[in-house]
């Protein structure tokens, strides 16, 4: 379920490629600015999430409330 582009960016971090963490951060920030999930690529609106914690997590990771259980377990 992990987005192909995110997998590639994380692989670059694991391989210690220069600026790879900054590139991943930029990717996440651009995706959030467009109101998309970095994983499922669906349009999302944190104002409609079940709780503030899920919305806060979206603004940190770019992962929508539907994808968050995949990464963090069921809530």
PDB file of N, CA and C in Angstrom:
ATOM      1  N   UNK A   1       0.812  -1.190   0.000  1.00  0.00           N
ATOM      2  CA  UNK A   1       0.000   0.000   0.000  1.00  0.00           C
ATOM      3  C   UNK A   1       0.860   1.261   0.000  1.00  0.00           C
ATOM      4  N   UNK A   2       2.128   1.148   0.287  1.00  0.00           N
ATOM      5  CA  UNK A   2       2.990   2.325   0.326  1.00  0.00           C
ATOM      6  C   UNK A   2       3.222   2.839  -1.093  1.00  0.00           C
ATOM      7  N   UNK A   3       3.017   4.131  -1.272  1.00  0.00           N
ATOM      8  CA  UNK A   3       3.191   4.782  -2.563  1.00  0.00           C
ATOM      9  C   UNK A   3       4.591   4.525  -3.128  1.00  0.00           C
ATOM     10  N   UNK A   4       4.665   4.250  -4.416  1.00  0.00           N
ATOM     11  CA  UNK A   4       5.936   3.939  -5.075  1.00  0.00           C
ATOM     12  C   UNK A   4       6.963   5.057  -4.907  1.00  0.00           C
ATOM     13  N   UNK A   5       6.535   6.292  -5.064  1.00  0.00           N
ATOM     14  CA  UNK A   5       7.475   7.413  -4.934  1.00  0.00           C
ATOM     15  C   UNK A   5       8.023   7.519  -3.512  1.00  0.00           C
ATOM     16  N   UNK A   6       7.168   7.309  -2.521  1.00  0.00           N
ATOM     17  CA  UNK A   6       7.615   7.350  -1.127  1.00  0.00           C
ATOM     18  C   UNK A   6       8.600   6.214  -0.869  1.00  0.00           C
ATOM     19  N   UNK A   7       8.315   5.022  -1.404  1.00  0.00           N
ATOM     20  CA  UNK A   7       9.249   3.900  -1.261  1.00  0.00           C
ATOM     21  C   UNK A   7      10.629   4.267  -1.805  1.00  0.00           C
ATOM     22  N   UNK A   8      10.648   4.896  -2.966  1.00  0.00           N
ATOM     23  CA  UNK A   8      11.904   5.291  -3.589  1.00  0.00           C
ATOM     24  C   UNK A   8      12.642   6.328  -2.738  1.00  0.00           C
ATOM     25  N   UNK A   9      11.905   7.288  -2.205  1.00  0.00           N
ATOM     26  CA  UNK A   9      12.529   8.326  -1.372  1.00  0.00           C
ATOM     27  C   UNK A   9      13.092   7.736  -0.079  1.00  0.00           C
ATOM     28  N   UNK A  10      12.373   6.797   0.522  1.00  0.00           N
ATOM     29  CA  UNK A  10      12.853   6.145   1.742  1.00  0.00           C
ATOM     30  C   UNK A  10      14.076   5.285   1.431  1.00  0.00           C
ATOM     31  N   UNK A  11      14.065   4.632   0.299  1.00  0.00           N
ATOM     32  CA  UNK A  11      15.226   3.825  -0.117  1.00  0.00           C
ATOM     33  C   UNK A  11      16.474   4.707  -0.220  1.00  0.00           C
ATOM     34  N   UNK A  12      16.305   5.901  -0.751  1.00  0.00           N
ATOM     35  CA  UNK A  12      17.436   6.828  -0.851  1.00  0.00           C
ATOM     36  C   UNK A  12      17.985   7.201   0.520  1.00  0.00           C
ATOM     37  N   UNK A  13      17.093   7.335   1.502  1.00  0.00           N
ATOM     38  CA  UNK A  13      17.531   7.625   2.871  1.00  0.00           C
ATOM     39  C   UNK A  13      18.337   6.453   3.405  1.00  0.00           C
ATOM     40  N   UNK A  14      17.823   5.248   3.210  1.00  0.00           N
ATOM     41  CA  UNK A  14      18.528   4.041   3.692  1.00  0.00           C
ATOM     42  C   UNK A  14      19.901   3.890   3.055  1.00  0.00           C
ATOM     43  N   UNK A  15      20.013   4.357   1.818  1.00  0.00           N
ATOM     44  CA  UNK A  15      21.286   4.263   1.107  1.00  0.00           C
ATOM     45  C   UNK A  15      22.192   5.464   1.375  1.00  0.00           C
ATOM     46  N   UNK A  16      21.776   6.321   2.309  1.00  0.00           N
ATOM     47  CA  UNK A  16      22.551   7.498   2.708  1.00  0.00           C
ATOM     48  C   UNK A  16      22.881   8.431   1.547  1.00  0.00           C
ATOM     49  N   UNK A  17      21.954   8.564   0.621  1.00  0.00           N
ATOM     50  CA  UNK A  17      22.157   9.489  -0.496  1.00  0.00           C
ATOM     51  C   UNK A  17      22.031  10.920   0.013  1.00  0.00           C
ATOM     52  N   UNK A  18      22.858  11.818  -0.489  1.00  0.00           N
ATOM     53  CA  UNK A  18      22.839  13.201  -0.019  1.00  0.00           C
ATOM     54  C   UNK A  18      21.463  13.853  -0.180  1.00  0.00           C
ATOM     55  N   UNK A  19      21.071  14.608   0.835  1.00  0.00           N
ATOM     56  CA  UNK A  19      19.829  15.395   0.848  1.00  0.00           C
ATOM     57  C   UNK A  19      18.558  14.561   0.743  1.00  0.00           C
ATOM     58  N   UNK A  20      18.653  13.260   0.917  1.00  0.00           N
ATOM     59  CA  UNK A  20      17.475  12.414   0.716  1.00  0.00           C
ATOM     60  C   UNK A  20      16.377  12.679   1.744  1.00  0.00           C
ATOM     61  N   UNK A  21      16.731  12.968   2.975  1.00  0.00           N
ATOM     62  CA  UNK A  21      15.719  13.274   3.979  1.00  0.00           C
ATOM     63  C   UNK A  21      15.015  14.591   3.652  1.00  0.00           C
ATOM     64  N   UNK A  22      15.771  15.568   3.218  1.00  0.00           N
ATOM     65  CA  UNK A  22      15.190  16.860   2.828  1.00  0.00           C
ATOM     66  C   UNK A  22      14.262  16.697   1.625  1.00  0.00           C
ATOM     67  N   UNK A  23      14.632  15.855   0.690  1.00  0.00           N
ATOM     68  CA  UNK A  23      13.800  15.618  -0.497  1.00  0.00           C
ATOM     69  C   UNK A  23      12.478  14.958  -0.084  1.00  0.00           C
ATOM     70  N   UNK A  24      12.532  13.983   0.830  1.00  0.00           N
ATOM     71  CA  UNK A  24      11.310  13.351   1.321  1.00  0.00           C
ATOM     72  C   UNK A  24      10.441  14.385   2.029  1.00  0.00           C
ATOM     73  N   UNK A  25      11.034  15.197   2.871  1.00  0.00           N
ATOM     74  CA  UNK A  25      10.285  16.234   3.580  1.00  0.00           C
ATOM     75  C   UNK A  25       9.613  17.194   2.598  1.00  0.00           C
ATOM     76  N   UNK A  26      10.330  17.606   1.566  1.00  0.00           N
ATOM     77  CA  UNK A  26       9.762  18.501   0.550  1.00  0.00           C
ATOM     78  C   UNK A  26       8.584  17.832  -0.159  1.00  0.00           C
ATOM     79  N   UNK A  27       8.736  16.571  -0.473  1.00  0.00           N
ATOM     80  CA  UNK A  27       7.656  15.816  -1.137  1.00  0.00           C
ATOM     81  C   UNK A  27       6.405  15.806  -0.257  1.00  0.00           C
ATOM     82  N   UNK A  28       6.595  15.518   1.025  1.00  0.00           N
ATOM     83  CA  UNK A  28       5.461  15.482   1.952  1.00  0.00           C
ATOM     84  C   UNK A  28       4.809  16.858   2.048  1.00  0.00           C
ATOM     85  N   UNK A  29       5.603  17.905   2.179  1.00  0.00           N
ATOM     86  CA  UNK A  29       5.057  19.256   2.315  1.00  0.00           C
ATOM     87  C   UNK A  29       4.287  19.689   1.061  1.00  0.00           C
ATOM     88  N   UNK A  30       4.808  19.361  -0.106  1.00  0.00           N
ATOM     89  CA  UNK A  30       4.113  19.701  -1.357  1.00  0.00           C
ATOM     90  C   UNK A  30       2.788  18.949  -1.463  1.00  0.00           C
ATOM     91  N   UNK A  31       2.782  17.698  -1.055  1.00  0.00           N
ATOM     92  CA  UNK A  31       1.577  16.888  -1.117  1.00  0.00           C
ATOM     93  C   UNK A  31       0.523  17.416  -0.145  1.00  0.00           C
ATOM     94  N   UNK A  32       0.943  17.790   1.061  1.00  0.00           N
ATOM     95  CA  UNK A  32       0.019  18.368   2.043  1.00  0.00           C
ATOM     96  C   UNK A  32      -0.554  19.674   1.510  1.00  0.00           C
ATOM     97  N   UNK A  33       0.279  20.502   0.906  1.00  0.00           N
ATOM     98  CA  UNK A  33      -0.186  21.790   0.372  1.00  0.00           C
ATOM     99  C   UNK A  33      -1.262  21.609  -0.698  1.00  0.00           C
ATOM    100  N   UNK A  34      -1.216  20.483  -1.382  1.00  0.00           N
ATOM    101  CA  UNK A  34      -2.217  20.190  -2.422  1.00  0.00           C
ATOM    102  C   UNK A  34      -3.414  19.408  -1.866  1.00  0.00           C
ATOM    103  N   UNK A  35      -3.399  19.147  -0.549  1.00  0.00           N
ATOM    104  CA  UNK A  35      -4.467  18.414   0.150  1.00  0.00           C
ATOM    105  C   UNK A  35      -4.622  16.975  -0.332  1.00  0.00           C
ATOM    106  N   UNK A  36      -3.502  16.320  -0.609  1.00  0.00           N
ATOM    107  CA  UNK A  36      -3.500  14.918  -0.984  1.00  0.00           C
ATOM    108  C   UNK A  36      -2.822  14.092   0.096  1.00  0.00           C
ATOM    109  N   UNK A  37      -3.122  12.805   0.125  1.00  0.00           N
ATOM    110  CA  UNK A  37      -2.423  11.858   0.989  1.00  0.00           C
ATOM    111  C   UNK A  37      -1.162  11.408   0.266  1.00  0.00           C
ATOM    112  N   UNK A  38      -0.043  11.339   0.978  1.00  0.00           N
ATOM    113  CA  UNK A  38       1.201  10.911   0.338  1.00  0.00           C
ATOM    114  C   UNK A  38       1.182   9.427  -0.020  1.00  0.00           C
ATOM    115  N   UNK A  39       0.260   8.681   0.551  1.00  0.00           N
ATOM    116  CA  UNK A  39       0.227   7.249   0.277  1.00  0.00           C
ATOM    117  C   UNK A  39      -0.831   6.881  -0.762  1.00  0.00           C
ATOM    118  N   UNK A  40      -2.101   7.116  -0.461  1.00  0.00           N
ATOM    119  CA  UNK A  40      -3.160   6.699  -1.383  1.00  0.00           C
ATOM    120  C   UNK A  40      -3.421   7.729  -2.483  1.00  0.00           C
ATOM    121  N   UNK A  41      -2.859   8.909  -2.333  1.00  0.00           N
ATOM    122  CA  UNK A  41      -2.944   9.997  -3.324  1.00  0.00           C
ATOM    123  C   UNK A  41      -4.364  10.555  -3.487  1.00  0.00           C
ATOM    124  N   UNK A  42      -5.261  10.246  -2.562  1.00  0.00           N
ATOM    125  CA  UNK A  42      -6.616  10.794  -2.611  1.00  0.00           C
ATOM    126  C   UNK A  42      -6.625  12.208  -2.031  1.00  0.00           C
ATOM    127  N   UNK A  43      -7.549  13.021  -2.505  1.00  0.00           N
ATOM    128  CA  UNK A  43      -7.750  14.336  -1.920  1.00  0.00           C
ATOM    129  C   UNK A  43      -8.298  14.132  -0.514  1.00  0.00           C
ATOM    130  N   UNK A  44      -7.812  14.936   0.422  1.00  0.00           N
ATOM    131  CA  UNK A  44      -8.247  14.782   1.804  1.00  0.00           C
ATOM    132  C   UNK A  44      -8.429  16.140   2.460  1.00  0.00           C
ATOM    133  N   UNK A  45      -9.280  16.194   3.464  1.00  0.00           N
ATOM    134  CA  UNK A  45      -9.534  17.429   4.204  1.00  0.00           C
ATOM    135  C   UNK A  45      -9.489  17.128   5.696  1.00  0.00           C
ATOM    136  N   UNK A  46      -8.389  17.452   6.361  1.00  0.00           N
ATOM    137  CA  UNK A  46      -8.260  17.161   7.786  1.00  0.00           C
ATOM    138  C   UNK A  46      -9.347  17.795   8.654  1.00  0.00           C
ATOM    139  N   UNK A  47      -9.995  18.832   8.172  1.00  0.00           N
ATOM    140  CA  UNK A  47     -11.086  19.450   8.932  1.00  0.00           C
ATOM    141  C   UNK A  47     -12.247  18.471   9.116  1.00  0.00           C
ATOM    142  N   UNK A  48     -12.322  17.459   8.271  1.00  0.00           N
ATOM    143  CA  UNK A  48     -13.396  16.470   8.361  1.00  0.00           C
ATOM    144  C   UNK A  48     -12.977  15.171   9.045  1.00  0.00           C
ATOM    145  N   UNK A  49     -11.772  15.117   9.589  1.00  0.00           N
ATOM    146  CA  UNK A  49     -11.308  13.899  10.256  1.00  0.00           C
ATOM    147  C   UNK A  49     -12.070  13.675  11.559  1.00  0.00           C
ATOM    148  N   UNK A  50     -12.061  12.435  12.027  1.00  0.00           N
ATOM    149  CA  UNK A  50     -12.794  12.051  13.238  1.00  0.00           C
ATOM    150  C   UNK A  50     -12.318  12.805  14.475  1.00  0.00           C
ATOM    151  N   UNK A  51     -11.014  13.074  14.528  1.00  0.00           N
ATOM    152  CA  UNK A  51     -10.469  13.740  15.711  1.00  0.00           C
ATOM    153  C   UNK A  51      -9.253  14.585  15.347  1.00  0.00           C
ATOM    154  N   UNK A  52      -8.873  15.431  16.263  1.00  0.00           N
ATOM    155  CA  UNK A  52      -7.764  16.350  16.040  1.00  0.00           C
ATOM    156  C   UNK A  52      -6.431  15.617  15.918  1.00  0.00           C
ATOM    157  N   UNK A  53      -6.280  14.510  16.628  1.00  0.00           N
ATOM    158  CA  UNK A  53      -5.035  13.743  16.567  1.00  0.00           C
ATOM    159  C   UNK A  53      -4.750  13.261  15.145  1.00  0.00           C
ATOM    160  N   UNK A  54      -5.775  12.759  14.466  1.00  0.00           N
ATOM    161  CA  UNK A  54      -5.609  12.309  13.079  1.00  0.00           C
ATOM    162  C   UNK A  54      -5.245  13.482  12.166  1.00  0.00           C
ATOM    163  N   UNK A  55      -5.878  14.623  12.389  1.00  0.00           N
ATOM    164  CA  UNK A  55      -5.573  15.812  11.584  1.00  0.00           C
ATOM    165  C   UNK A  55      -4.142  16.273  11.834  1.00  0.00           C
ATOM    166  N   UNK A  56      -3.727  16.276  13.104  1.00  0.00           N
ATOM    167  CA  UNK A  56      -2.351  16.672  13.434  1.00  0.00           C
ATOM    168  C   UNK A  56      -1.348  15.751  12.756  1.00  0.00           C
ATOM    169  N   UNK A  57      -1.642  14.453  12.778  1.00  0.00           N
ATOM    170  CA  UNK A  57      -0.739  13.490  12.138  1.00  0.00           C
ATOM    171  C   UNK A  57      -0.653  13.741  10.643  1.00  0.00           C
ATOM    172  N   UNK A  58      -1.770  14.075  10.014  1.00  0.00           N
ATOM    173  CA  UNK A  58      -1.732  14.386   8.583  1.00  0.00           C
ATOM    174  C   UNK A  58      -0.772  15.536   8.304  1.00  0.00           C
ATOM    175  N   UNK A  59      -0.825  16.579   9.126  1.00  0.00           N
ATOM    176  CA  UNK A  59       0.036  17.740   8.896  1.00  0.00           C
ATOM    177  C   UNK A  59       1.510  17.454   9.186  1.00  0.00           C
ATOM    178  N   UNK A  60       1.790  16.376   9.886  1.00  0.00           N
ATOM    179  CA  UNK A  60       3.172  15.961  10.138  1.00  0.00           C
ATOM    180  C   UNK A  60       3.661  15.028   9.023  1.00  0.00           C
ATOM    181  N   UNK A  61       2.867  13.991   8.739  1.00  0.00           N
ATOM    182  CA  UNK A  61       3.328  12.922   7.853  1.00  0.00           C
ATOM    183  C   UNK A  61       2.744  12.963   6.450  1.00  0.00           C
ATOM    184  N   UNK A  62       1.611  13.662   6.293  1.00  0.00           N
ATOM    185  CA  UNK A  62       0.947  13.671   5.000  1.00  0.00           C
ATOM    186  C   UNK A  62       0.105  12.435   4.751  1.00  0.00           C
ATOM    187  N   UNK A  63      -0.072  11.616   5.788  1.00  0.00           N
ATOM    188  CA  UNK A  63      -0.848  10.385   5.663  1.00  0.00           C
ATOM    189  C   UNK A  63      -2.276  10.658   6.123  1.00  0.00           C
ATOM    190  N   UNK A  64      -3.254  10.379   5.259  1.00  0.00           N
ATOM    191  CA  UNK A  64      -4.654  10.668   5.573  1.00  0.00           C
ATOM    192  C   UNK A  64      -5.188   9.744   6.670  1.00  0.00           C
ATOM    193  N   UNK A  65      -6.352  10.084   7.193  1.00  0.00           N
ATOM    194  CA  UNK A  65      -6.938   9.300   8.281  1.00  0.00           C
ATOM    195  C   UNK A  65      -7.322   7.890   7.851  1.00  0.00           C
ATOM    196  N   UNK A  66      -7.571   7.672   6.564  1.00  0.00           N
ATOM    197  CA  UNK A  66      -7.881   6.323   6.088  1.00  0.00           C
ATOM    198  C   UNK A  66      -6.640   5.441   6.030  1.00  0.00           C
ATOM    199  N   UNK A  67      -5.483   6.032   5.741  1.00  0.00           N
ATOM    200  CA  UNK A  67      -4.238   5.264   5.631  1.00  0.00           C
ATOM    201  C   UNK A  67      -3.497   5.149   6.969  1.00  0.00           C
ATOM    202  N   UNK A  68      -3.765   6.038   7.907  1.00  0.00           N
ATOM    203  CA  UNK A  68      -3.036   6.018   9.174  1.00  0.00           C
ATOM    204  C   UNK A  68      -3.091   4.673   9.896  1.00  0.00           C
ATOM    205  N   UNK A  69      -4.246   3.977   9.946  1.00  0.00           N
ATOM    206  CA  UNK A  69      -4.247   2.666  10.630  1.00  0.00           C
ATOM    207  C   UNK A  69      -3.264   1.667  10.024  1.00  0.00           C
ATOM    208  N   UNK A  70      -3.003   1.762   8.730  1.00  0.00           N
ATOM    209  CA  UNK A  70      -2.031   0.861   8.088  1.00  0.00           C
ATOM    210  C   UNK A  70      -0.639   1.054   8.688  1.00  0.00           C
ATOM    211  N   UNK A  71      -0.301   2.301   9.003  1.00  0.00           N
ATOM    212  CA  UNK A  71       1.031   2.613   9.532  1.00  0.00           C
ATOM    213  C   UNK A  71       1.103   2.526  11.060  1.00  0.00           C
ATOM    214  N   UNK A  72       0.031   2.923  11.740  1.00  0.00           N
ATOM    215  CA  UNK A  72       0.076   3.078  13.194  1.00  0.00           C
ATOM    216  C   UNK A  72      -0.819   2.089  13.934  1.00  0.00           C
ATOM    217  N   UNK A  73      -1.512   1.225  13.226  1.00  0.00           N
ATOM    218  CA  UNK A  73      -2.433   0.279  13.852  1.00  0.00           C
ATOM    219  C   UNK A  73      -3.812   0.882  14.010  1.00  0.00           C
ATOM    220  N   UNK A  74      -4.760   0.019  14.293  1.00  0.00           N
ATOM    221  CA  UNK A  74      -6.149   0.469  14.467  1.00  0.00           C
ATOM    222  C   UNK A  74      -6.251   1.375  15.683  1.00  0.00           C
ATOM    223  N   UNK A  75      -7.189   2.287  15.568  1.00  0.00           N
ATOM    224  CA  UNK A  75      -7.388   3.242  16.661  1.00  0.00           C
ATOM    225  C   UNK A  75      -8.551   2.826  17.511  1.00  0.00           C
TER     226      UNK A  75
END
